[in-house]
Amino acid sequence: VSVGTGGKQILFNALLATVNPGDEV
C-alpha cells in the first residue's frame, strides 16, 4: 500500500516510476 498527497500523486508516482521514453500508455 502507498499513500500520497491525493490520488493524482499516486498516478504520478506510478507512471514516473515505470514509464520509459517510447513506452505506450
PDBML (XML) file of the C-alpha atoms, coordinates in Angstrom:
<?xml version="1.0" encoding="UTF-8" ?>
<PDBx:datablock datablockName="MODEL"
   xmlns:PDBx="http://pdbml.pdb.org/schema/pdbx-v50.xsd"
   xmlns:xsi="http://www.w3.org/2001/XMLSchema-instance"
   xsi:schemaLocation="http://pdbml.pdb.org/schema/pdbx-v50.xsd pdbx-v50.xsd">
   <PDBx:atom_siteCategory>
      <PDBx:atom_site id="1">
         <PDBx:B_iso_or_equiv>0.00</PDBx:B_iso_or_equiv>
         <PDBx:Cartn_x>0.000</PDBx:Cartn_x>
         <PDBx:Cartn_y>0.000</PDBx:Cartn_y>
         <PDBx:Cartn_z>0.000</PDBx:Cartn_z>
         <PDBx:auth_asym_id>A</PDBx:auth_asym_id>
         <PDBx:auth_atom_id>CA</PDBx:auth_atom_id>
         <PDBx:auth_comp_id>VAL</PDBx:auth_comp_id>
         <PDBx:auth_seq_id>1</PDBx:auth_seq_id>
         <PDBx:group_PDB>ATOM</PDBx:group_PDB>
         <PDBx:label_alt_id xsi:nil="true" />
         <PDBx:label_asym_id>A</PDBx:label_asym_id>
         <PDBx:label_atom_id>CA</PDBx:label_atom_id>
         <PDBx:label_comp_id>VAL</PDBx:label_comp_id>
         <PDBx:label_entity_id>1</PDBx:label_entity_id>
         <PDBx:label_seq_id>1</PDBx:label_seq_id>
         <PDBx:occupancy>1.00</PDBx:occupancy>
         <PDBx:pdbx_PDB_model_num>1</PDBx:pdbx_PDB_model_num>
         <PDBx:type_symbol>C</PDBx:type_symbol>
      </PDBx:atom_site>
      <PDBx:atom_site id="2">
         <PDBx:B_iso_or_equiv>0.00</PDBx:B_iso_or_equiv>
         <PDBx:Cartn_x>1.151</PDBx:Cartn_x>
         <PDBx:Cartn_y>3.535</PDBx:Cartn_y>
         <PDBx:Cartn_z>-0.810</PDBx:Cartn_z>
         <PDBx:auth_asym_id>A</PDBx:auth_asym_id>
         <PDBx:auth_atom_id>CA</PDBx:auth_atom_id>
         <PDBx:auth_comp_id>SER</PDBx:auth_comp_id>
         <PDBx:auth_seq_id>2</PDBx:auth_seq_id>
         <PDBx:group_PDB>ATOM</PDBx:group_PDB>
         <PDBx:label_alt_id xsi:nil="true" />
         <PDBx:label_asym_id>A</PDBx:label_asym_id>
         <PDBx:label_atom_id>CA</PDBx:label_atom_id>
         <PDBx:label_comp_id>SER</PDBx:label_comp_id>
         <PDBx:label_entity_id>1</PDBx:label_entity_id>
         <PDBx:label_seq_id>2</PDBx:label_seq_id>
         <PDBx:occupancy>1.00</PDBx:occupancy>
         <PDBx:pdbx_PDB_model_num>1</PDBx:pdbx_PDB_model_num>
         <PDBx:type_symbol>C</PDBx:type_symbol>
      </PDBx:atom_site>
      <PDBx:atom_site id="3">
         <PDBx:B_iso_or_equiv>0.00</PDBx:B_iso_or_equiv>
         <PDBx:Cartn_x>-0.433</PDBx:Cartn_x>
         <PDBx:Cartn_y>6.763</PDBx:Cartn_y>
         <PDBx:Cartn_z>0.479</PDBx:Cartn_z>
         <PDBx:auth_asym_id>A</PDBx:auth_asym_id>
         <PDBx:auth_atom_id>CA</PDBx:auth_atom_id>
         <PDBx:auth_comp_id>VAL</PDBx:auth_comp_id>
         <PDBx:auth_seq_id>3</PDBx:auth_seq_id>
         <PDBx:group_PDB>ATOM</PDBx:group_PDB>
         <PDBx:label_alt_id xsi:nil="true" />
         <PDBx:label_asym_id>A</PDBx:label_asym_id>
         <PDBx:label_atom_id>CA</PDBx:label_atom_id>
         <PDBx:label_comp_id>VAL</PDBx:label_comp_id>
         <PDBx:label_entity_id>1</PDBx:label_entity_id>
         <PDBx:label_seq_id>3</PDBx:label_seq_id>
         <PDBx:occupancy>1.00</PDBx:occupancy>
         <PDBx:pdbx_PDB_model_num>1</PDBx:pdbx_PDB_model_num>
         <PDBx:type_symbol>C</PDBx:type_symbol>
      </PDBx:atom_site>
      <PDBx:atom_site id="4">
         <PDBx:B_iso_or_equiv>0.00</PDBx:B_iso_or_equiv>
         <PDBx:Cartn_x>0.090</PDBx:Cartn_x>
         <PDBx:Cartn_y>10.016</PDBx:Cartn_y>
         <PDBx:Cartn_z>-1.387</PDBx:Cartn_z>
         <PDBx:auth_asym_id>A</PDBx:auth_asym_id>
         <PDBx:auth_atom_id>CA</PDBx:auth_atom_id>
         <PDBx:auth_comp_id>GLY</PDBx:auth_comp_id>
         <PDBx:auth_seq_id>4</PDBx:auth_seq_id>
         <PDBx:group_PDB>ATOM</PDBx:group_PDB>
         <PDBx:label_alt_id xsi:nil="true" />
         <PDBx:label_asym_id>A</PDBx:label_asym_id>
         <PDBx:label_atom_id>CA</PDBx:label_atom_id>
         <PDBx:label_comp_id>GLY</PDBx:label_comp_id>
         <PDBx:label_entity_id>1</PDBx:label_entity_id>
         <PDBx:label_seq_id>4</PDBx:label_seq_id>
         <PDBx:occupancy>1.00</PDBx:occupancy>
         <PDBx:pdbx_PDB_model_num>1</PDBx:pdbx_PDB_model_num>
         <PDBx:type_symbol>C</PDBx:type_symbol>
      </PDBx:atom_site>
      <PDBx:atom_site id="5">
         <PDBx:B_iso_or_equiv>0.00</PDBx:B_iso_or_equiv>
         <PDBx:Cartn_x>-0.979</PDBx:Cartn_x>
         <PDBx:Cartn_y>13.632</PDBx:Cartn_y>
         <PDBx:Cartn_z>-1.443</PDBx:Cartn_z>
         <PDBx:auth_asym_id>A</PDBx:auth_asym_id>
         <PDBx:auth_atom_id>CA</PDBx:auth_atom_id>
         <PDBx:auth_comp_id>THR</PDBx:auth_comp_id>
         <PDBx:auth_seq_id>5</PDBx:auth_seq_id>
         <PDBx:group_PDB>ATOM</PDBx:group_PDB>
         <PDBx:label_alt_id xsi:nil="true" />
         <PDBx:label_asym_id>A</PDBx:label_asym_id>
         <PDBx:label_atom_id>CA</PDBx:label_atom_id>
         <PDBx:label_comp_id>THR</PDBx:label_comp_id>
         <PDBx:label_entity_id>1</PDBx:label_entity_id>
         <PDBx:label_seq_id>5</PDBx:label_seq_id>
         <PDBx:occupancy>1.00</PDBx:occupancy>
         <PDBx:pdbx_PDB_model_num>1</PDBx:pdbx_PDB_model_num>
         <PDBx:type_symbol>C</PDBx:type_symbol>
      </PDBx:atom_site>
      <PDBx:atom_site id="6">
         <PDBx:B_iso_or_equiv>0.00</PDBx:B_iso_or_equiv>
         <PDBx:Cartn_x>-4.186</PDBx:Cartn_x>
         <PDBx:Cartn_y>12.953</PDBx:Cartn_y>
         <PDBx:Cartn_z>-3.337</PDBx:Cartn_z>
         <PDBx:auth_asym_id>A</PDBx:auth_asym_id>
         <PDBx:auth_atom_id>CA</PDBx:auth_atom_id>
         <PDBx:auth_comp_id>GLY</PDBx:auth_comp_id>
         <PDBx:auth_seq_id>6</PDBx:auth_seq_id>
         <PDBx:group_PDB>ATOM</PDBx:group_PDB>
         <PDBx:label_alt_id xsi:nil="true" />
         <PDBx:label_asym_id>A</PDBx:label_asym_id>
         <PDBx:label_atom_id>CA</PDBx:label_atom_id>
         <PDBx:label_comp_id>GLY</PDBx:label_comp_id>
         <PDBx:label_entity_id>1</PDBx:label_entity_id>
         <PDBx:label_seq_id>6</PDBx:label_seq_id>
         <PDBx:occupancy>1.00</PDBx:occupancy>
         <PDBx:pdbx_PDB_model_num>1</PDBx:pdbx_PDB_model_num>
         <PDBx:type_symbol>C</PDBx:type_symbol>
      </PDBx:atom_site>
      <PDBx:atom_site id="7">
         <PDBx:B_iso_or_equiv>0.00</PDBx:B_iso_or_equiv>
         <PDBx:Cartn_x>-4.931</PDBx:Cartn_x>
         <PDBx:Cartn_y>10.376</PDBx:Cartn_y>
         <PDBx:Cartn_z>-5.986</PDBx:Cartn_z>
         <PDBx:auth_asym_id>A</PDBx:auth_asym_id>
         <PDBx:auth_atom_id>CA</PDBx:auth_atom_id>
         <PDBx:auth_comp_id>GLY</PDBx:auth_comp_id>
         <PDBx:auth_seq_id>7</PDBx:auth_seq_id>
         <PDBx:group_PDB>ATOM</PDBx:group_PDB>
         <PDBx:label_alt_id xsi:nil="true" />
         <PDBx:label_asym_id>A</PDBx:label_asym_id>
         <PDBx:label_atom_id>CA</PDBx:label_atom_id>
         <PDBx:label_comp_id>GLY</PDBx:label_comp_id>
         <PDBx:label_entity_id>1</PDBx:label_entity_id>
         <PDBx:label_seq_id>7</PDBx:label_seq_id>
         <PDBx:occupancy>1.00</PDBx:occupancy>
         <PDBx:pdbx_PDB_model_num>1</PDBx:pdbx_PDB_model_num>
         <PDBx:type_symbol>C</PDBx:type_symbol>
      </PDBx:atom_site>
      <PDBx:atom_site id="8">
         <PDBx:B_iso_or_equiv>0.00</PDBx:B_iso_or_equiv>
         <PDBx:Cartn_x>-3.028</PDBx:Cartn_x>
         <PDBx:Cartn_y>12.440</PDBx:Cartn_y>
         <PDBx:Cartn_z>-8.538</PDBx:Cartn_z>
         <PDBx:auth_asym_id>A</PDBx:auth_asym_id>
         <PDBx:auth_atom_id>CA</PDBx:auth_atom_id>
         <PDBx:auth_comp_id>LYS</PDBx:auth_comp_id>
         <PDBx:auth_seq_id>8</PDBx:auth_seq_id>
         <PDBx:group_PDB>ATOM</PDBx:group_PDB>
         <PDBx:label_alt_id xsi:nil="true" />
         <PDBx:label_asym_id>A</PDBx:label_asym_id>
         <PDBx:label_atom_id>CA</PDBx:label_atom_id>
         <PDBx:label_comp_id>LYS</PDBx:label_comp_id>
         <PDBx:label_entity_id>1</PDBx:label_entity_id>
         <PDBx:label_seq_id>8</PDBx:label_seq_id>
         <PDBx:occupancy>1.00</PDBx:occupancy>
         <PDBx:pdbx_PDB_model_num>1</PDBx:pdbx_PDB_model_num>
         <PDBx:type_symbol>C</PDBx:type_symbol>
      </PDBx:atom_site>
      <PDBx:atom_site id="9">
         <PDBx:B_iso_or_equiv>0.00</PDBx:B_iso_or_equiv>
         <PDBx:Cartn_x>0.262</PDBx:Cartn_x>
         <PDBx:Cartn_y>11.774</PDBx:Cartn_y>
         <PDBx:Cartn_z>-6.738</PDBx:Cartn_z>
         <PDBx:auth_asym_id>A</PDBx:auth_asym_id>
         <PDBx:auth_atom_id>CA</PDBx:auth_atom_id>
         <PDBx:auth_comp_id>GLN</PDBx:auth_comp_id>
         <PDBx:auth_seq_id>9</PDBx:auth_seq_id>
         <PDBx:group_PDB>ATOM</PDBx:group_PDB>
         <PDBx:label_alt_id xsi:nil="true" />
         <PDBx:label_asym_id>A</PDBx:label_asym_id>
         <PDBx:label_atom_id>CA</PDBx:label_atom_id>
         <PDBx:label_comp_id>GLN</PDBx:label_comp_id>
         <PDBx:label_entity_id>1</PDBx:label_entity_id>
         <PDBx:label_seq_id>9</PDBx:label_seq_id>
         <PDBx:occupancy>1.00</PDBx:occupancy>
         <PDBx:pdbx_PDB_model_num>1</PDBx:pdbx_PDB_model_num>
         <PDBx:type_symbol>C</PDBx:type_symbol>
      </PDBx:atom_site>
      <PDBx:atom_site id="10">
         <PDBx:B_iso_or_equiv>0.00</PDBx:B_iso_or_equiv>
         <PDBx:Cartn_x>-0.390</PDBx:Cartn_x>
         <PDBx:Cartn_y>8.017</PDBx:Cartn_y>
         <PDBx:Cartn_z>-6.735</PDBx:Cartn_z>
         <PDBx:auth_asym_id>A</PDBx:auth_asym_id>
         <PDBx:auth_atom_id>CA</PDBx:auth_atom_id>
         <PDBx:auth_comp_id>ILE</PDBx:auth_comp_id>
         <PDBx:auth_seq_id>10</PDBx:auth_seq_id>
         <PDBx:group_PDB>ATOM</PDBx:group_PDB>
         <PDBx:label_alt_id xsi:nil="true" />
         <PDBx:label_asym_id>A</PDBx:label_asym_id>
         <PDBx:label_atom_id>CA</PDBx:label_atom_id>
         <PDBx:label_comp_id>ILE</PDBx:label_comp_id>
         <PDBx:label_entity_id>1</PDBx:label_entity_id>
         <PDBx:label_seq_id>10</PDBx:label_seq_id>
         <PDBx:occupancy>1.00</PDBx:occupancy>
         <PDBx:pdbx_PDB_model_num>1</PDBx:pdbx_PDB_model_num>
         <PDBx:type_symbol>C</PDBx:type_symbol>
      </PDBx:atom_site>
      <PDBx:atom_site id="11">
         <PDBx:B_iso_or_equiv>0.00</PDBx:B_iso_or_equiv>
         <PDBx:Cartn_x>-0.903</PDBx:Cartn_x>
         <PDBx:Cartn_y>8.123</PDBx:Cartn_y>
         <PDBx:Cartn_z>-10.503</PDBx:Cartn_z>
         <PDBx:auth_asym_id>A</PDBx:auth_asym_id>
         <PDBx:auth_atom_id>CA</PDBx:auth_atom_id>
         <PDBx:auth_comp_id>LEU</PDBx:auth_comp_id>
         <PDBx:auth_seq_id>11</PDBx:auth_seq_id>
         <PDBx:group_PDB>ATOM</PDBx:group_PDB>
         <PDBx:label_alt_id xsi:nil="true" />
         <PDBx:label_asym_id>A</PDBx:label_asym_id>
         <PDBx:label_atom_id>CA</PDBx:label_atom_id>
         <PDBx:label_comp_id>LEU</PDBx:label_comp_id>
         <PDBx:label_entity_id>1</PDBx:label_entity_id>
         <PDBx:label_seq_id>11</PDBx:label_seq_id>
         <PDBx:occupancy>1.00</PDBx:occupancy>
         <PDBx:pdbx_PDB_model_num>1</PDBx:pdbx_PDB_model_num>
         <PDBx:type_symbol>C</PDBx:type_symbol>
      </PDBx:atom_site>
      <PDBx:atom_site id="12">
         <PDBx:B_iso_or_equiv>0.00</PDBx:B_iso_or_equiv>
         <PDBx:Cartn_x>2.085</PDBx:Cartn_x>
         <PDBx:Cartn_y>10.423</PDBx:Cartn_y>
         <PDBx:Cartn_z>-10.951</PDBx:Cartn_z>
         <PDBx:auth_asym_id>A</PDBx:auth_asym_id>
         <PDBx:auth_atom_id>CA</PDBx:auth_atom_id>
         <PDBx:auth_comp_id>PHE</PDBx:auth_comp_id>
         <PDBx:auth_seq_id>12</PDBx:auth_seq_id>
         <PDBx:group_PDB>ATOM</PDBx:group_PDB>
         <PDBx:label_alt_id xsi:nil="true" />
         <PDBx:label_asym_id>A</PDBx:label_asym_id>
         <PDBx:label_atom_id>CA</PDBx:label_atom_id>
         <PDBx:label_comp_id>PHE</PDBx:label_comp_id>
         <PDBx:label_entity_id>1</PDBx:label_entity_id>
         <PDBx:label_seq_id>12</PDBx:label_seq_id>
         <PDBx:occupancy>1.00</PDBx:occupancy>
         <PDBx:pdbx_PDB_model_num>1</PDBx:pdbx_PDB_model_num>
         <PDBx:type_symbol>C</PDBx:type_symbol>
      </PDBx:atom_site>
      <PDBx:atom_site id="13">
         <PDBx:B_iso_or_equiv>0.00</PDBx:B_iso_or_equiv>
         <PDBx:Cartn_x>4.378</PDBx:Cartn_x>
         <PDBx:Cartn_y>8.226</PDBx:Cartn_y>
         <PDBx:Cartn_z>-8.853</PDBx:Cartn_z>
         <PDBx:auth_asym_id>A</PDBx:auth_asym_id>
         <PDBx:auth_atom_id>CA</PDBx:auth_atom_id>
         <PDBx:auth_comp_id>ASN</PDBx:auth_comp_id>
         <PDBx:auth_seq_id>13</PDBx:auth_seq_id>
         <PDBx:group_PDB>ATOM</PDBx:group_PDB>
         <PDBx:label_alt_id xsi:nil="true" />
         <PDBx:label_asym_id>A</PDBx:label_asym_id>
         <PDBx:label_atom_id>CA</PDBx:label_atom_id>
         <PDBx:label_comp_id>ASN</PDBx:label_comp_id>
         <PDBx:label_entity_id>1</PDBx:label_entity_id>
         <PDBx:label_seq_id>13</PDBx:label_seq_id>
         <PDBx:occupancy>1.00</PDBx:occupancy>
         <PDBx:pdbx_PDB_model_num>1</PDBx:pdbx_PDB_model_num>
         <PDBx:type_symbol>C</PDBx:type_symbol>
      </PDBx:atom_site>
      <PDBx:atom_site id="14">
         <PDBx:B_iso_or_equiv>0.00</PDBx:B_iso_or_equiv>
         <PDBx:Cartn_x>3.321</PDBx:Cartn_x>
         <PDBx:Cartn_y>5.019</PDBx:Cartn_y>
         <PDBx:Cartn_z>-10.611</PDBx:Cartn_z>
         <PDBx:auth_asym_id>A</PDBx:auth_asym_id>
         <PDBx:auth_atom_id>CA</PDBx:auth_atom_id>
         <PDBx:auth_comp_id>ALA</PDBx:auth_comp_id>
         <PDBx:auth_seq_id>14</PDBx:auth_seq_id>
         <PDBx:group_PDB>ATOM</PDBx:group_PDB>
         <PDBx:label_alt_id xsi:nil="true" />
         <PDBx:label_asym_id>A</PDBx:label_asym_id>
         <PDBx:label_atom_id>CA</PDBx:label_atom_id>
         <PDBx:label_comp_id>ALA</PDBx:label_comp_id>
         <PDBx:label_entity_id>1</PDBx:label_entity_id>
         <PDBx:label_seq_id>14</PDBx:label_seq_id>
         <PDBx:occupancy>1.00</PDBx:occupancy>
         <PDBx:pdbx_PDB_model_num>1</PDBx:pdbx_PDB_model_num>
         <PDBx:type_symbol>C</PDBx:type_symbol>
      </PDBx:atom_site>
      <PDBx:atom_site id="15">
         <PDBx:B_iso_or_equiv>0.00</PDBx:B_iso_or_equiv>
         <PDBx:Cartn_x>3.827</PDBx:Cartn_x>
         <PDBx:Cartn_y>6.384</PDBx:Cartn_y>
         <PDBx:Cartn_z>-14.108</PDBx:Cartn_z>
         <PDBx:auth_asym_id>A</PDBx:auth_asym_id>
         <PDBx:auth_atom_id>CA</PDBx:auth_atom_id>
         <PDBx:auth_comp_id>LEU</PDBx:auth_comp_id>
         <PDBx:auth_seq_id>15</PDBx:auth_seq_id>
         <PDBx:group_PDB>ATOM</PDBx:group_PDB>
         <PDBx:label_alt_id xsi:nil="true" />
         <PDBx:label_asym_id>A</PDBx:label_asym_id>
         <PDBx:label_atom_id>CA</PDBx:label_atom_id>
         <PDBx:label_comp_id>LEU</PDBx:label_comp_id>
         <PDBx:label_entity_id>1</PDBx:label_entity_id>
         <PDBx:label_seq_id>15</PDBx:label_seq_id>
         <PDBx:occupancy>1.00</PDBx:occupancy>
         <PDBx:pdbx_PDB_model_num>1</PDBx:pdbx_PDB_model_num>
         <PDBx:type_symbol>C</PDBx:type_symbol>
      </PDBx:atom_site>
      <PDBx:atom_site id="16">
         <PDBx:B_iso_or_equiv>0.00</PDBx:B_iso_or_equiv>
         <PDBx:Cartn_x>7.014</PDBx:Cartn_x>
         <PDBx:Cartn_y>8.329</PDBx:Cartn_y>
         <PDBx:Cartn_z>-13.401</PDBx:Cartn_z>
         <PDBx:auth_asym_id>A</PDBx:auth_asym_id>
         <PDBx:auth_atom_id>CA</PDBx:auth_atom_id>
         <PDBx:auth_comp_id>LEU</PDBx:auth_comp_id>
         <PDBx:auth_seq_id>16</PDBx:auth_seq_id>
         <PDBx:group_PDB>ATOM</PDBx:group_PDB>
         <PDBx:label_alt_id xsi:nil="true" />
         <PDBx:label_asym_id>A</PDBx:label_asym_id>
         <PDBx:label_atom_id>CA</PDBx:label_atom_id>
         <PDBx:label_comp_id>LEU</PDBx:label_comp_id>
         <PDBx:label_entity_id>1</PDBx:label_entity_id>
         <PDBx:label_seq_id>16</PDBx:label_seq_id>
         <PDBx:occupancy>1.00</PDBx:occupancy>
         <PDBx:pdbx_PDB_model_num>1</PDBx:pdbx_PDB_model_num>
         <PDBx:type_symbol>C</PDBx:type_symbol>
      </PDBx:atom_site>
      <PDBx:atom_site id="17">
         <PDBx:B_iso_or_equiv>0.00</PDBx:B_iso_or_equiv>
         <PDBx:Cartn_x>8.499</PDBx:Cartn_x>
         <PDBx:Cartn_y>5.285</PDBx:Cartn_y>
         <PDBx:Cartn_z>-11.686</PDBx:Cartn_z>
         <PDBx:auth_asym_id>A</PDBx:auth_asym_id>
         <PDBx:auth_atom_id>CA</PDBx:auth_atom_id>
         <PDBx:auth_comp_id>ALA</PDBx:auth_comp_id>
         <PDBx:auth_seq_id>17</PDBx:auth_seq_id>
         <PDBx:group_PDB>ATOM</PDBx:group_PDB>
         <PDBx:label_alt_id xsi:nil="true" />
         <PDBx:label_asym_id>A</PDBx:label_asym_id>
         <PDBx:label_atom_id>CA</PDBx:label_atom_id>
         <PDBx:label_comp_id>ALA</PDBx:label_comp_id>
         <PDBx:label_entity_id>1</PDBx:label_entity_id>
         <PDBx:label_seq_id>17</PDBx:label_seq_id>
         <PDBx:occupancy>1.00</PDBx:occupancy>
         <PDBx:pdbx_PDB_model_num>1</PDBx:pdbx_PDB_model_num>
         <PDBx:type_symbol>C</PDBx:type_symbol>
      </PDBx:atom_site>
      <PDBx:atom_site id="18">
         <PDBx:B_iso_or_equiv>0.00</PDBx:B_iso_or_equiv>
         <PDBx:Cartn_x>7.785</PDBx:Cartn_x>
         <PDBx:Cartn_y>2.882</PDBx:Cartn_y>
         <PDBx:Cartn_z>-14.558</PDBx:Cartn_z>
         <PDBx:auth_asym_id>A</PDBx:auth_asym_id>
         <PDBx:auth_atom_id>CA</PDBx:auth_atom_id>
         <PDBx:auth_comp_id>THR</PDBx:auth_comp_id>
         <PDBx:auth_seq_id>18</PDBx:auth_seq_id>
         <PDBx:group_PDB>ATOM</PDBx:group_PDB>
         <PDBx:label_alt_id xsi:nil="true" />
         <PDBx:label_asym_id>A</PDBx:label_asym_id>
         <PDBx:label_atom_id>CA</PDBx:label_atom_id>
         <PDBx:label_comp_id>THR</PDBx:label_comp_id>
         <PDBx:label_entity_id>1</PDBx:label_entity_id>
         <PDBx:label_seq_id>18</PDBx:label_seq_id>
         <PDBx:occupancy>1.00</PDBx:occupancy>
         <PDBx:pdbx_PDB_model_num>1</PDBx:pdbx_PDB_model_num>
         <PDBx:type_symbol>C</PDBx:type_symbol>
      </PDBx:atom_site>
      <PDBx:atom_site id="19">
         <PDBx:B_iso_or_equiv>0.00</PDBx:B_iso_or_equiv>
         <PDBx:Cartn_x>7.425</PDBx:Cartn_x>
         <PDBx:Cartn_y>4.657</PDBx:Cartn_y>
         <PDBx:Cartn_z>-17.913</PDBx:Cartn_z>
         <PDBx:auth_asym_id>A</PDBx:auth_asym_id>
         <PDBx:auth_atom_id>CA</PDBx:auth_atom_id>
         <PDBx:auth_comp_id>VAL</PDBx:auth_comp_id>
         <PDBx:auth_seq_id>19</PDBx:auth_seq_id>
         <PDBx:group_PDB>ATOM</PDBx:group_PDB>
         <PDBx:label_alt_id xsi:nil="true" />
         <PDBx:label_asym_id>A</PDBx:label_asym_id>
         <PDBx:label_atom_id>CA</PDBx:label_atom_id>
         <PDBx:label_comp_id>VAL</PDBx:label_comp_id>
         <PDBx:label_entity_id>1</PDBx:label_entity_id>
         <PDBx:label_seq_id>19</PDBx:label_seq_id>
         <PDBx:occupancy>1.00</PDBx:occupancy>
         <PDBx:pdbx_PDB_model_num>1</PDBx:pdbx_PDB_model_num>
         <PDBx:type_symbol>C</PDBx:type_symbol>
      </PDBx:atom_site>
      <PDBx:atom_site id="20">
         <PDBx:B_iso_or_equiv>0.00</PDBx:B_iso_or_equiv>
         <PDBx:Cartn_x>10.457</PDBx:Cartn_x>
         <PDBx:Cartn_y>4.947</PDBx:Cartn_y>
         <PDBx:Cartn_z>-20.187</PDBx:Cartn_z>
         <PDBx:auth_asym_id>A</PDBx:auth_asym_id>
         <PDBx:auth_atom_id>CA</PDBx:auth_atom_id>
         <PDBx:auth_comp_id>ASN</PDBx:auth_comp_id>
         <PDBx:auth_seq_id>20</PDBx:auth_seq_id>
         <PDBx:group_PDB>ATOM</PDBx:group_PDB>
         <PDBx:label_alt_id xsi:nil="true" />
         <PDBx:label_asym_id>A</PDBx:label_asym_id>
         <PDBx:label_atom_id>CA</PDBx:label_atom_id>
         <PDBx:label_comp_id>ASN</PDBx:label_comp_id>
         <PDBx:label_entity_id>1</PDBx:label_entity_id>
         <PDBx:label_seq_id>20</PDBx:label_seq_id>
         <PDBx:occupancy>1.00</PDBx:occupancy>
         <PDBx:pdbx_PDB_model_num>1</PDBx:pdbx_PDB_model_num>
         <PDBx:type_symbol>C</PDBx:type_symbol>
      </PDBx:atom_site>
      <PDBx:atom_site id="21">
         <PDBx:B_iso_or_equiv>0.00</PDBx:B_iso_or_equiv>
         <PDBx:Cartn_x>10.761</PDBx:Cartn_x>
         <PDBx:Cartn_y>7.030</PDBx:Cartn_y>
         <PDBx:Cartn_z>-23.375</PDBx:Cartn_z>
         <PDBx:auth_asym_id>A</PDBx:auth_asym_id>
         <PDBx:auth_atom_id>CA</PDBx:auth_atom_id>
         <PDBx:auth_comp_id>PRO</PDBx:auth_comp_id>
         <PDBx:auth_seq_id>21</PDBx:auth_seq_id>
         <PDBx:group_PDB>ATOM</PDBx:group_PDB>
         <PDBx:label_alt_id xsi:nil="true" />
         <PDBx:label_asym_id>A</PDBx:label_asym_id>
         <PDBx:label_atom_id>CA</PDBx:label_atom_id>
         <PDBx:label_comp_id>PRO</PDBx:label_comp_id>
         <PDBx:label_entity_id>1</PDBx:label_entity_id>
         <PDBx:label_seq_id>21</PDBx:label_seq_id>
         <PDBx:occupancy>1.00</PDBx:occupancy>
         <PDBx:pdbx_PDB_model_num>1</PDBx:pdbx_PDB_model_num>
         <PDBx:type_symbol>C</PDBx:type_symbol>
      </PDBx:atom_site>
      <PDBx:atom_site id="22">
         <PDBx:B_iso_or_equiv>0.00</PDBx:B_iso_or_equiv>
         <PDBx:Cartn_x>8.768</PDBx:Cartn_x>
         <PDBx:Cartn_y>5.317</PDBx:Cartn_y>
         <PDBx:Cartn_z>-26.104</PDBx:Cartn_z>
         <PDBx:auth_asym_id>A</PDBx:auth_asym_id>
         <PDBx:auth_atom_id>CA</PDBx:auth_atom_id>
         <PDBx:auth_comp_id>GLY</PDBx:auth_comp_id>
         <PDBx:auth_seq_id>22</PDBx:auth_seq_id>
         <PDBx:group_PDB>ATOM</PDBx:group_PDB>
         <PDBx:label_alt_id xsi:nil="true" />
         <PDBx:label_asym_id>A</PDBx:label_asym_id>
         <PDBx:label_atom_id>CA</PDBx:label_atom_id>
         <PDBx:label_comp_id>GLY</PDBx:label_comp_id>
         <PDBx:label_entity_id>1</PDBx:label_entity_id>
         <PDBx:label_seq_id>22</PDBx:label_seq_id>
         <PDBx:occupancy>1.00</PDBx:occupancy>
         <PDBx:pdbx_PDB_model_num>1</PDBx:pdbx_PDB_model_num>
         <PDBx:type_symbol>C</PDBx:type_symbol>
      </PDBx:atom_site>
      <PDBx:atom_site id="23">
         <PDBx:B_iso_or_equiv>0.00</PDBx:B_iso_or_equiv>
         <PDBx:Cartn_x>6.546</PDBx:Cartn_x>
         <PDBx:Cartn_y>3.306</PDBx:Cartn_y>
         <PDBx:Cartn_z>-23.769</PDBx:Cartn_z>
         <PDBx:auth_asym_id>A</PDBx:auth_asym_id>
         <PDBx:auth_atom_id>CA</PDBx:auth_atom_id>
         <PDBx:auth_comp_id>ASP</PDBx:auth_comp_id>
         <PDBx:auth_seq_id>23</PDBx:auth_seq_id>
         <PDBx:group_PDB>ATOM</PDBx:group_PDB>
         <PDBx:label_alt_id xsi:nil="true" />
         <PDBx:label_asym_id>A</PDBx:label_asym_id>
         <PDBx:label_atom_id>CA</PDBx:label_atom_id>
         <PDBx:label_comp_id>ASP</PDBx:label_comp_id>
         <PDBx:label_entity_id>1</PDBx:label_entity_id>
         <PDBx:label_seq_id>23</PDBx:label_seq_id>
         <PDBx:occupancy>1.00</PDBx:occupancy>
         <PDBx:pdbx_PDB_model_num>1</PDBx:pdbx_PDB_model_num>
         <PDBx:type_symbol>C</PDBx:type_symbol>
      </PDBx:atom_site>
      <PDBx:atom_site id="24">
         <PDBx:B_iso_or_equiv>0.00</PDBx:B_iso_or_equiv>
         <PDBx:Cartn_x>2.877</PDBx:Cartn_x>
         <PDBx:Cartn_y>3.469</PDBx:Cartn_y>
         <PDBx:Cartn_z>-24.705</PDBx:Cartn_z>
         <PDBx:auth_asym_id>A</PDBx:auth_asym_id>
         <PDBx:auth_atom_id>CA</PDBx:auth_atom_id>
         <PDBx:auth_comp_id>GLU</PDBx:auth_comp_id>
         <PDBx:auth_seq_id>24</PDBx:auth_seq_id>
         <PDBx:group_PDB>ATOM</PDBx:group_PDB>
         <PDBx:label_alt_id xsi:nil="true" />
         <PDBx:label_asym_id>A</PDBx:label_asym_id>
         <PDBx:label_atom_id>CA</PDBx:label_atom_id>
         <PDBx:label_comp_id>GLU</PDBx:label_comp_id>
         <PDBx:label_entity_id>1</PDBx:label_entity_id>
         <PDBx:label_seq_id>24</PDBx:label_seq_id>
         <PDBx:occupancy>1.00</PDBx:occupancy>
         <PDBx:pdbx_PDB_model_num>1</PDBx:pdbx_PDB_model_num>
         <PDBx:type_symbol>C</PDBx:type_symbol>
      </PDBx:atom_site>
      <PDBx:atom_site id="25">
         <PDBx:B_iso_or_equiv>0.00</PDBx:B_iso_or_equiv>
         <PDBx:Cartn_x>0.029</PDBx:Cartn_x>
         <PDBx:Cartn_y>4.012</PDBx:Cartn_y>
         <PDBx:Cartn_z>-22.260</PDBx:Cartn_z>
         <PDBx:auth_asym_id>A</PDBx:auth_asym_id>
         <PDBx:auth_atom_id>CA</PDBx:auth_atom_id>
         <PDBx:auth_comp_id>VAL</PDBx:auth_comp_id>
         <PDBx:auth_seq_id>25</PDBx:auth_seq_id>
         <PDBx:group_PDB>ATOM</PDBx:group_PDB>
         <PDBx:label_alt_id xsi:nil="true" />
         <PDBx:label_asym_id>A</PDBx:label_asym_id>
         <PDBx:label_atom_id>CA</PDBx:label_atom_id>
         <PDBx:label_comp_id>VAL</PDBx:label_comp_id>
         <PDBx:label_entity_id>1</PDBx:label_entity_id>
         <PDBx:label_seq_id>25</PDBx:label_seq_id>
         <PDBx:occupancy>1.00</PDBx:occupancy>
         <PDBx:pdbx_PDB_model_num>1</PDBx:pdbx_PDB_model_num>
         <PDBx:type_symbol>C</PDBx:type_symbol>
      </PDBx:atom_site>
   </PDBx:atom_siteCategory>
</PDBx:datablock>
